[in-house]
Amino acid sequence: MSSSSPLLDARVHRLRQVAHADPRLDGVVLYGSWTLGEADAHSDIEAYVFVLDEHLDEFDGAEFVSRLAPLALAYTNMFGILAVVFDDLMRGEFHVEPASGSAEQLAGWRGLVRLPEPDRAVLLDRRGLLGPVAKELADVPAPDEAVTARQLVDELTNWTLMVTQVLARGETARAHAGLASMVAPHQLKLCRLLRGSTEHWLTPSRALEADLPAEDVARYAATTSTLDPASVRAAVRESWRWSRELADEAAARWGLAPAEQLHQDITELLRKG
C-alpha cells in the first residue's frame, strides 16, 4: 500500500523490517489513516506492538521506536500509550502489549476499527494468529439506524443540558469545552446517520467538508464560538436548535419518540439564560 506521503510509506516499511528483525516481538498491526488509504503528509503512524510475555518487562518501547528514526519526544500519554514525535515532526502512537491474548484484543476492534486491506495492516504475525482476525475487520458493520439514532438523541439531550447548566453557573470556558467535546461528536454522528455518510463514523469530524452537504457544514460552524460569553451562549442555543431539528428528522424517519417536554424545558432554560 502506498499513500500520498512517501515519508510515511518509508516509515511503515522500516517498522516492518525492524519488527521482523527483533525476536522479542510476536506481532505488529497498524491502524489509522495509512491502513484506510487516507494518509497524507500530515498523517501519523499508529501501531500495536505485541511483545512476547517473557520479554515484556525488559522491552523498551521508546528505544525500539527510535530505530525507525531519531526521536524528538517520547513519553507515555494519558491513555497509557507510547506517544512519540520523530525529528521530522511526524507523530506516532505505539501500544506496547503482551503477545498472550493478542488475537483476542484484535477481535475486540470489531465495530471500532476498519482494516480494508488486512494483509497490509499486519506487519508481523509470527504465529499466524493475527491475520485471520484482521480479515474480519475489513468492513465495519453499518450501525443499526433506529437504535443508534435513539442513543444519539438521548446523548445530545443529556450533554446539552449539562452545558446549559454550567453556562448558567457562569462557567463559560467549561460550557465552551463541553459543546466541542461532548455535544458536537454526537451531533455530527446523528447528522452523518441521517445523510447516509458513515464512512468516517469513528471520527465524525474527519473530512466533514467533503462528506456532508454545505448547509450541514454551515450549521455545524454556527455551533462554534470564541470564548466570549455572549458568543458561547449563542453557539449553545444554535447547537440545541440544530440538535432538535436533527432529532425531529430522526423521529420522522425511524419512528422515535423524543422527550418533547424535556426538550422544551431545555429550550426554556436557554431562553432565560
C-alpha atoms as a PDB file:
ATOM      1  CA  MET A   1       0.000   0.000   0.000  1.00  0.00           C
ATOM      2  CA  SER A   2       1.339   3.428  -0.881  1.00  0.00           C
ATOM      3  CA  SER A   3      -0.020   6.802   0.163  1.00  0.00           C
ATOM      4  CA  SER A   4       0.442  10.423  -0.779  1.00  0.00           C
ATOM      5  CA  SER A   5       3.174  10.560   1.881  1.00  0.00           C
ATOM      6  CA  PRO A   6       6.367   8.832   0.731  1.00  0.00           C
ATOM      7  CA  LEU A   7       7.875   9.564   4.144  1.00  0.00           C
ATOM      8  CA  LEU A   8       5.115   7.665   5.941  1.00  0.00           C
ATOM      9  CA  ASP A   9       5.351   4.819   3.437  1.00  0.00           C
ATOM     10  CA  ALA A  10       9.069   4.566   4.140  1.00  0.00           C
ATOM     11  CA  ARG A  11       8.492   4.623   7.891  1.00  0.00           C
ATOM     12  CA  VAL A  12       5.956   1.808   7.683  1.00  0.00           C
ATOM     13  CA  HIS A  13       8.422  -0.180   5.599  1.00  0.00           C
ATOM     14  CA  ARG A  14      11.133   0.466   8.178  1.00  0.00           C
ATOM     15  CA  LEU A  15       8.811  -0.629  11.002  1.00  0.00           C
ATOM     16  CA  ARG A  16       8.175  -3.898   9.166  1.00  0.00           C
ATOM     17  CA  GLN A  17      11.929  -4.509   8.817  1.00  0.00           C
ATOM     18  CA  VAL A  18      12.743  -3.667  12.434  1.00  0.00           C
ATOM     19  CA  ALA A  19       9.869  -5.771  13.762  1.00  0.00           C
ATOM     20  CA  HIS A  20      10.862  -8.859  11.782  1.00  0.00           C
ATOM     21  CA  ALA A  21      14.456  -8.482  12.994  1.00  0.00           C
ATOM     22  CA  ASP A  22      13.506  -8.383  16.687  1.00  0.00           C
ATOM     23  CA  PRO A  23      12.867 -11.905  18.057  1.00  0.00           C
ATOM     24  CA  ARG A  24      11.115 -10.473  21.133  1.00  0.00           C
ATOM     25  CA  LEU A  25       8.151  -9.410  19.007  1.00  0.00           C
ATOM     26  CA  ASP A  26       5.251 -11.692  18.166  1.00  0.00           C
ATOM     27  CA  GLY A  27       3.169  -9.309  16.086  1.00  0.00           C
ATOM     28  CA  VAL A  28       2.734  -5.750  14.834  1.00  0.00           C
ATOM     29  CA  VAL A  29      -0.528  -4.367  13.484  1.00  0.00           C
ATOM     30  CA  LEU A  30      -1.071  -0.920  12.034  1.00  0.00           C
ATOM     31  CA  TYR A  31      -4.309   1.044  12.286  1.00  0.00           C
ATOM     32  CA  GLY A  32      -5.342   4.581  11.367  1.00  0.00           C
ATOM     33  CA  SER A  33      -5.258   6.629   8.194  1.00  0.00           C
ATOM     34  CA  TRP A  34      -2.468   4.671   6.451  1.00  0.00           C
ATOM     35  CA  THR A  35      -4.446   1.437   6.647  1.00  0.00           C
ATOM     36  CA  LEU A  36      -7.532   3.251   5.309  1.00  0.00           C
ATOM     37  CA  GLY A  37      -5.683   4.615   2.281  1.00  0.00           C
ATOM     38  CA  GLU A  38      -6.273   8.176   3.505  1.00  0.00           C
ATOM     39  CA  ALA A  39      -2.805   9.101   4.743  1.00  0.00           C
ATOM     40  CA  ASP A  40      -1.112  12.260   3.587  1.00  0.00           C
ATOM     41  CA  ALA A  41       1.877  14.401   4.543  1.00  0.00           C
ATOM     42  CA  HIS A  42       0.176  15.365   7.818  1.00  0.00           C
ATOM     43  CA  SER A  43      -0.626  11.832   8.993  1.00  0.00           C
ATOM     44  CA  ASP A  44       0.951   9.962  11.883  1.00  0.00           C
ATOM     45  CA  ILE A  45       1.896   6.311  12.320  1.00  0.00           C
ATOM     46  CA  GLU A  46      -0.155   4.166  14.702  1.00  0.00           C
ATOM     47  CA  ALA A  47       0.528   0.577  15.668  1.00  0.00           C
ATOM     48  CA  TYR A  48       0.064  -2.187  18.204  1.00  0.00           C
ATOM     49  CA  VAL A  49       3.328  -3.895  19.106  1.00  0.00           C
ATOM     50  CA  PHE A  50       2.804  -7.319  20.673  1.00  0.00           C
ATOM     51  CA  VAL A  51       5.789  -8.421  22.746  1.00  0.00           C
ATOM     52  CA  LEU A  52       6.400 -11.994  23.905  1.00  0.00           C
ATOM     53  CA  ASP A  53       5.328 -12.101  27.535  1.00  0.00           C
ATOM     54  CA  GLU A  54       8.712 -13.187  28.858  1.00  0.00           C
ATOM     55  CA  HIS A  55      10.326 -10.088  27.325  1.00  0.00           C
ATOM     56  CA  LEU A  56       7.636  -7.533  28.136  1.00  0.00           C
ATOM     57  CA  ASP A  57       9.196  -6.193  31.354  1.00  0.00           C
ATOM     58  CA  GLU A  58      12.548  -5.598  29.700  1.00  0.00           C
ATOM     59  CA  PHE A  59      11.174  -4.214  26.434  1.00  0.00           C
ATOM     60  CA  ASP A  60      11.989  -0.524  25.954  1.00  0.00           C
ATOM     61  CA  GLY A  61       9.337   0.772  23.594  1.00  0.00           C
ATOM     62  CA  ALA A  62      10.978   4.133  23.007  1.00  0.00           C
ATOM     63  CA  GLU A  63      14.302   2.502  22.144  1.00  0.00           C
ATOM     64  CA  PHE A  64      12.532   0.166  19.723  1.00  0.00           C
ATOM     65  CA  VAL A  65      10.688   3.024  18.003  1.00  0.00           C
ATOM     66  CA  SER A  66      13.871   5.092  17.795  1.00  0.00           C
ATOM     67  CA  ARG A  67      15.166   2.501  15.334  1.00  0.00           C
ATOM     68  CA  LEU A  68      12.677   3.870  12.820  1.00  0.00           C
ATOM     69  CA  ALA A  69      14.047   7.424  13.018  1.00  0.00           C
ATOM     70  CA  PRO A  70      15.502   9.752  15.664  1.00  0.00           C
ATOM     71  CA  LEU A  71      13.003  10.870  18.290  1.00  0.00           C
ATOM     72  CA  ALA A  72      12.415  14.432  19.458  1.00  0.00           C
ATOM     73  CA  LEU A  73       9.917  13.310  22.114  1.00  0.00           C
ATOM     74  CA  ALA A  74       8.825  10.029  23.663  1.00  0.00           C
ATOM     75  CA  TYR A  75       6.502   9.634  26.642  1.00  0.00           C
ATOM     76  CA  THR A  76       3.559   7.607  27.949  1.00  0.00           C
ATOM     77  CA  ASN A  77       0.436   9.659  27.302  1.00  0.00           C
ATOM     78  CA  MET A  78      -2.711   9.991  29.396  1.00  0.00           C
ATOM     79  CA  PHE A  79      -4.144   6.808  27.844  1.00  0.00           C
ATOM     80  CA  GLY A  80      -1.077   4.728  28.696  1.00  0.00           C
ATOM     81  CA  ILE A  81       0.137   4.705  25.092  1.00  0.00           C
ATOM     82  CA  LEU A  82       3.705   5.353  23.979  1.00  0.00           C
ATOM     83  CA  ALA A  83       3.466   8.661  22.099  1.00  0.00           C
ATOM     84  CA  VAL A  84       6.412   9.878  20.082  1.00  0.00           C
ATOM     85  CA  VAL A  85       7.438  12.728  17.841  1.00  0.00           C
ATOM     86  CA  PHE A  86      10.149  11.955  15.316  1.00  0.00           C
ATOM     87  CA  ASP A  87      12.751  14.584  14.451  1.00  0.00           C
ATOM     88  CA  ASP A  88      10.914  15.315  11.191  1.00  0.00           C
ATOM     89  CA  LEU A  89       7.761  16.182  13.248  1.00  0.00           C
ATOM     90  CA  MET A  90       5.834  13.047  12.299  1.00  0.00           C
ATOM     91  CA  ARG A  91       3.811  11.841  15.279  1.00  0.00           C
ATOM     92  CA  GLY A  92       3.439   8.232  16.339  1.00  0.00           C
ATOM     93  CA  GLU A  93       1.376   6.172  18.782  1.00  0.00           C
ATOM     94  CA  PHE A  94       2.555   2.698  19.753  1.00  0.00           C
ATOM     95  CA  HIS A  95       0.562   0.391  22.014  1.00  0.00           C
ATOM     96  CA  VAL A  96       3.072  -1.997  23.595  1.00  0.00           C
ATOM     97  CA  GLU A  97       1.060  -5.057  24.636  1.00  0.00           C
ATOM     98  CA  PRO A  98       1.723  -8.666  25.710  1.00  0.00           C
ATOM     99  CA  ALA A  99       1.589 -11.278  22.973  1.00  0.00           C
ATOM    100  CA  SER A 100      -0.703 -13.500  25.022  1.00  0.00           C
ATOM    101  CA  GLY A 101      -4.240 -12.539  24.156  1.00  0.00           C
ATOM    102  CA  SER A 102      -3.192 -10.519  21.103  1.00  0.00           C
ATOM    103  CA  ALA A 103      -5.729 -12.195  18.814  1.00  0.00           C
ATOM    104  CA  GLU A 104      -8.492 -11.633  21.366  1.00  0.00           C
ATOM    105  CA  GLN A 105      -7.501  -7.985  21.692  1.00  0.00           C
ATOM    106  CA  LEU A 106      -7.607  -7.565  17.932  1.00  0.00           C
ATOM    107  CA  ALA A 107     -11.021  -9.226  17.832  1.00  0.00           C
ATOM    108  CA  GLY A 108     -12.193  -6.542  20.248  1.00  0.00           C
ATOM    109  CA  TRP A 109     -11.735  -3.981  17.488  1.00  0.00           C
ATOM    110  CA  ARG A 110     -14.850  -5.243  15.703  1.00  0.00           C
ATOM    111  CA  GLY A 111     -17.163  -2.333  15.035  1.00  0.00           C
ATOM    112  CA  LEU A 112     -14.485   0.139  16.116  1.00  0.00           C
ATOM    113  CA  VAL A 113     -11.644  -0.253  13.618  1.00  0.00           C
ATOM    114  CA  ARG A 114     -11.692  -0.968   9.899  1.00  0.00           C
ATOM    115  CA  LEU A 115      -8.758  -2.594   8.092  1.00  0.00           C
ATOM    116  CA  PRO A 116      -9.812  -2.633   4.420  1.00  0.00           C
ATOM    117  CA  GLU A 117      -6.528  -4.323   3.411  1.00  0.00           C
ATOM    118  CA  PRO A 118      -5.773  -6.527   6.433  1.00  0.00           C
ATOM    119  CA  ASP A 119      -2.745  -8.203   4.886  1.00  0.00           C
ATOM    120  CA  ARG A 120      -1.103  -4.780   4.635  1.00  0.00           C
ATOM    121  CA  ALA A 121      -2.049  -3.741   8.164  1.00  0.00           C
ATOM    122  CA  VAL A 122      -0.467  -6.827   9.752  1.00  0.00           C
ATOM    123  CA  LEU A 123       3.263  -6.160   9.527  1.00  0.00           C
ATOM    124  CA  LEU A 124       4.342  -9.117  11.662  1.00  0.00           C
ATOM    125  CA  ASP A 125       2.443 -12.272  12.643  1.00  0.00           C
ATOM    126  CA  ARG A 126       4.882 -14.950  13.799  1.00  0.00           C
ATOM    127  CA  ARG A 127       2.247 -17.427  14.977  1.00  0.00           C
ATOM    128  CA  GLY A 128      -0.274 -16.728  12.217  1.00  0.00           C
ATOM    129  CA  LEU A 129      -2.945 -15.702  14.733  1.00  0.00           C
ATOM    130  CA  LEU A 130      -3.467 -12.061  13.816  1.00  0.00           C
ATOM    131  CA  GLY A 131      -4.026 -12.305  10.070  1.00  0.00           C
ATOM    132  CA  PRO A 132      -7.304 -14.256  10.233  1.00  0.00           C
ATOM    133  CA  VAL A 133      -8.723 -11.876  12.845  1.00  0.00           C
ATOM    134  CA  ALA A 134      -7.621  -8.830  10.854  1.00  0.00           C
ATOM    135  CA  LYS A 135      -9.531 -10.140   7.839  1.00  0.00           C
ATOM    136  CA  GLU A 136     -12.706  -9.963   9.902  1.00  0.00           C
ATOM    137  CA  LEU A 137     -12.083  -6.219  10.307  1.00  0.00           C
ATOM    138  CA  ALA A 138     -12.107  -5.464   6.598  1.00  0.00           C
ATOM    139  CA  ASP A 139     -15.570  -3.964   6.964  1.00  0.00           C
ATOM    140  CA  VAL A 140     -17.291  -2.231   9.859  1.00  0.00           C
ATOM    141  CA  PRO A 141     -20.938  -3.241  10.134  1.00  0.00           C
ATOM    142  CA  ALA A 142     -23.304  -0.367   9.427  1.00  0.00           C
ATOM    143  CA  PRO A 143     -24.870   0.989  12.617  1.00  0.00           C
ATOM    144  CA  ASP A 144     -28.400  -0.074  13.462  1.00  0.00           C
ATOM    145  CA  GLU A 145     -30.008   3.170  12.368  1.00  0.00           C
ATOM    146  CA  ALA A 146     -33.039   3.372  14.658  1.00  0.00           C
ATOM    147  CA  VAL A 147     -31.205   2.157  17.771  1.00  0.00           C
ATOM    148  CA  THR A 148     -28.202   4.381  17.090  1.00  0.00           C
ATOM    149  CA  ALA A 149     -30.364   7.426  16.407  1.00  0.00           C
ATOM    150  CA  ARG A 150     -32.212   6.893  19.691  1.00  0.00           C
ATOM    151  CA  GLN A 151     -28.901   6.718  21.561  1.00  0.00           C
ATOM    152  CA  LEU A 152     -27.551   9.840  19.869  1.00  0.00           C
ATOM    153  CA  VAL A 153     -30.679  11.894  20.522  1.00  0.00           C
ATOM    154  CA  ASP A 154     -30.524  10.938  24.199  1.00  0.00           C
ATOM    155  CA  GLU A 155     -26.828  11.792  24.368  1.00  0.00           C
ATOM    156  CA  LEU A 156     -27.470  15.185  22.801  1.00  0.00           C
ATOM    157  CA  THR A 157     -30.273  15.882  25.257  1.00  0.00           C
ATOM    158  CA  ASN A 158     -28.203  14.929  28.297  1.00  0.00           C
ATOM    159  CA  TRP A 159     -24.999  16.728  27.334  1.00  0.00           C
ATOM    160  CA  THR A 160     -26.740  19.868  26.126  1.00  0.00           C
ATOM    161  CA  LEU A 161     -28.489  20.117  29.486  1.00  0.00           C
ATOM    162  CA  MET A 162     -25.108  19.790  31.207  1.00  0.00           C
ATOM    163  CA  VAL A 163     -23.655  22.556  29.027  1.00  0.00           C
ATOM    164  CA  THR A 164     -26.708  24.729  29.697  1.00  0.00           C
ATOM    165  CA  GLN A 165     -26.385  24.271  33.453  1.00  0.00           C
ATOM    166  CA  VAL A 166     -22.681  25.113  33.639  1.00  0.00           C
ATOM    167  CA  LEU A 167     -23.277  28.094  31.363  1.00  0.00           C
ATOM    168  CA  ALA A 168     -25.978  29.331  33.745  1.00  0.00           C
ATOM    169  CA  ARG A 169     -23.462  28.964  36.573  1.00  0.00           C
ATOM    170  CA  GLY A 170     -21.132  31.309  34.725  1.00  0.00           C
ATOM    171  CA  GLU A 171     -18.579  28.686  33.679  1.00  0.00           C
ATOM    172  CA  THR A 172     -18.159  29.929  30.142  1.00  0.00           C
ATOM    173  CA  ALA A 173     -14.935  28.029  29.428  1.00  0.00           C
ATOM    174  CA  ARG A 174     -16.407  24.750  30.665  1.00  0.00           C
ATOM    175  CA  ALA A 175     -19.526  25.240  28.551  1.00  0.00           C
ATOM    176  CA  HIS A 176     -17.336  26.045  25.542  1.00  0.00           C
ATOM    177  CA  ALA A 177     -15.301  22.869  26.082  1.00  0.00           C
ATOM    178  CA  GLY A 178     -18.385  20.723  26.675  1.00  0.00           C
ATOM    179  CA  LEU A 179     -20.012  21.908  23.490  1.00  0.00           C
ATOM    180  CA  ALA A 180     -16.971  20.871  21.473  1.00  0.00           C
ATOM    181  CA  SER A 181     -16.066  17.632  23.262  1.00  0.00           C
ATOM    182  CA  MET A 182     -19.415  16.161  24.328  1.00  0.00           C
ATOM    183  CA  VAL A 183     -22.146  17.644  22.141  1.00  0.00           C
ATOM    184  CA  ALA A 184     -20.532  18.106  18.731  1.00  0.00           C
ATOM    185  CA  PRO A 185     -19.343  14.485  18.181  1.00  0.00           C
ATOM    186  CA  HIS A 186     -22.832  13.078  18.841  1.00  0.00           C
ATOM    187  CA  GLN A 187     -24.403  15.813  16.733  1.00  0.00           C
ATOM    188  CA  LEU A 188     -22.139  15.069  13.787  1.00  0.00           C
ATOM    189  CA  LYS A 189     -22.774  11.327  14.102  1.00  0.00           C
ATOM    190  CA  LEU A 190     -26.530  11.882  14.029  1.00  0.00           C
ATOM    191  CA  CYS A 191     -26.151  14.145  11.021  1.00  0.00           C
ATOM    192  CA  ARG A 192     -23.998  11.539   9.251  1.00  0.00           C
ATOM    193  CA  LEU A 193     -26.533   8.833  10.057  1.00  0.00           C
ATOM    194  CA  LEU A 194     -29.343  10.891   8.552  1.00  0.00           C
ATOM    195  CA  ARG A 195     -27.297  11.731   5.446  1.00  0.00           C
ATOM    196  CA  GLY A 196     -26.097   8.161   4.909  1.00  0.00           C
ATOM    197  CA  SER A 197     -22.476   9.276   5.285  1.00  0.00           C
ATOM    198  CA  THR A 198     -20.939   6.885   7.810  1.00  0.00           C
ATOM    199  CA  GLU A 199     -17.575   6.311   6.131  1.00  0.00           C
ATOM    200  CA  HIS A 200     -15.850   8.344   8.859  1.00  0.00           C
ATOM    201  CA  TRP A 201     -18.176   7.227  11.626  1.00  0.00           C
ATOM    202  CA  LEU A 202     -15.444   6.681  14.211  1.00  0.00           C
ATOM    203  CA  THR A 203     -14.130  10.247  13.837  1.00  0.00           C
ATOM    204  CA  PRO A 204     -17.204  12.183  12.722  1.00  0.00           C
ATOM    205  CA  SER A 205     -15.425  15.492  12.144  1.00  0.00           C
ATOM    206  CA  ARG A 206     -12.945  13.858   9.740  1.00  0.00           C
ATOM    207  CA  ALA A 207     -13.363  15.053   6.138  1.00  0.00           C
ATOM    208  CA  LEU A 208     -16.522  16.836   7.258  1.00  0.00           C
ATOM    209  CA  GLU A 209     -16.333  19.423   4.498  1.00  0.00           C
ATOM    210  CA  ALA A 210     -16.121  16.735   1.821  1.00  0.00           C
ATOM    211  CA  ASP A 211     -18.604  14.263   3.316  1.00  0.00           C
ATOM    212  CA  LEU A 212     -21.587  16.426   4.269  1.00  0.00           C
ATOM    213  CA  PRO A 213     -23.712  18.959   2.356  1.00  0.00           C
ATOM    214  CA  ALA A 214     -22.608  22.582   2.623  1.00  0.00           C
ATOM    215  CA  GLU A 215     -25.700  23.509   4.609  1.00  0.00           C
ATOM    216  CA  ASP A 216     -24.814  20.964   7.306  1.00  0.00           C
ATOM    217  CA  VAL A 217     -21.254  22.252   7.463  1.00  0.00           C
ATOM    218  CA  ALA A 218     -22.666  25.758   7.893  1.00  0.00           C
ATOM    219  CA  ARG A 219     -24.957  24.589  10.689  1.00  0.00           C
ATOM    220  CA  TYR A 220     -22.019  22.996  12.449  1.00  0.00           C
ATOM    221  CA  ALA A 221     -19.967  26.179  12.033  1.00  0.00           C
ATOM    222  CA  ALA A 222     -22.739  28.130  13.747  1.00  0.00           C
ATOM    223  CA  THR A 223     -22.358  25.922  16.838  1.00  0.00           C
ATOM    224  CA  THR A 224     -18.740  27.032  17.336  1.00  0.00           C
ATOM    225  CA  SER A 225     -17.642  30.203  19.069  1.00  0.00           C
ATOM    226  CA  THR A 226     -14.954  32.271  20.693  1.00  0.00           C
ATOM    227  CA  LEU A 227     -14.727  32.255  24.481  1.00  0.00           C
ATOM    228  CA  ASP A 228     -16.737  35.463  24.753  1.00  0.00           C
ATOM    229  CA  PRO A 229     -19.773  34.691  26.984  1.00  0.00           C
ATOM    230  CA  ALA A 230     -22.295  36.085  24.509  1.00  0.00           C
ATOM    231  CA  SER A 231     -20.704  34.095  21.671  1.00  0.00           C
ATOM    232  CA  VAL A 232     -20.749  30.860  23.695  1.00  0.00           C
ATOM    233  CA  ARG A 233     -24.378  31.388  24.662  1.00  0.00           C
ATOM    234  CA  ALA A 234     -25.352  31.996  21.036  1.00  0.00           C
ATOM    235  CA  ALA A 235     -23.444  28.875  19.954  1.00  0.00           C
ATOM    236  CA  VAL A 236     -25.143  26.708  22.589  1.00  0.00           C
ATOM    237  CA  ARG A 237     -28.567  27.956  21.519  1.00  0.00           C
ATOM    238  CA  GLU A 238     -27.799  27.343  17.852  1.00  0.00           C
ATOM    239  CA  SER A 239     -26.384  23.907  18.680  1.00  0.00           C
ATOM    240  CA  TRP A 240     -29.546  22.910  20.547  1.00  0.00           C
ATOM    241  CA  ARG A 241     -31.721  24.265  17.759  1.00  0.00           C
ATOM    242  CA  TRP A 242     -29.855  22.096  15.257  1.00  0.00           C
ATOM    243  CA  SER A 243     -29.942  19.084  17.598  1.00  0.00           C
ATOM    244  CA  ARG A 244     -33.710  19.370  17.894  1.00  0.00           C
ATOM    245  CA  GLU A 245     -34.096  19.589  14.140  1.00  0.00           C
ATOM    246  CA  LEU A 246     -31.932  16.501  13.681  1.00  0.00           C
ATOM    247  CA  ALA A 247     -33.886  14.724  16.419  1.00  0.00           C
ATOM    248  CA  ASP A 248     -37.195  15.572  14.724  1.00  0.00           C
ATOM    249  CA  GLU A 249     -35.847  14.323  11.402  1.00  0.00           C
ATOM    250  CA  ALA A 250     -34.695  11.088  13.053  1.00  0.00           C
ATOM    251  CA  ALA A 251     -38.067  10.683  14.776  1.00  0.00           C
ATOM    252  CA  ALA A 252     -39.902  11.030  11.488  1.00  0.00           C
ATOM    253  CA  ARG A 253     -37.638   8.579   9.695  1.00  0.00           C
ATOM    254  CA  TRP A 254     -37.311   5.853  12.322  1.00  0.00           C
ATOM    255  CA  GLY A 255     -40.437   6.278  14.410  1.00  0.00           C
ATOM    256  CA  LEU A 256     -38.690   7.564  17.516  1.00  0.00           C
ATOM    257  CA  ALA A 257     -40.483   9.388  20.296  1.00  0.00           C
ATOM    258  CA  PRO A 258     -38.305  12.278  21.505  1.00  0.00           C
ATOM    259  CA  ALA A 259     -38.714  13.522  25.075  1.00  0.00           C
ATOM    260  CA  GLU A 260     -40.640  16.568  23.924  1.00  0.00           C
ATOM    261  CA  GLN A 261     -41.308  18.053  27.360  1.00  0.00           C
ATOM    262  CA  LEU A 262     -37.666  17.721  28.361  1.00  0.00           C
ATOM    263  CA  HIS A 263     -36.574  19.247  25.066  1.00  0.00           C
ATOM    264  CA  GLN A 264     -38.914  22.183  25.625  1.00  0.00           C
ATOM    265  CA  ASP A 265     -37.626  22.616  29.175  1.00  0.00           C
ATOM    266  CA  ILE A 266     -34.017  22.808  27.924  1.00  0.00           C
ATOM    267  CA  THR A 267     -35.075  25.330  25.294  1.00  0.00           C
ATOM    268  CA  GLU A 268     -36.695  27.436  28.004  1.00  0.00           C
ATOM    269  CA  LEU A 269     -33.596  27.272  30.175  1.00  0.00           C
ATOM    270  CA  LEU A 270     -31.518  28.534  27.272  1.00  0.00           C
ATOM    271  CA  ARG A 271     -34.024  31.294  26.558  1.00  0.00           C
ATOM    272  CA  LYS A 272     -33.886  32.539  30.153  1.00  0.00           C
ATOM    273  CA  GLY A 273     -30.121  32.282  30.485  1.00  0.00           C
END
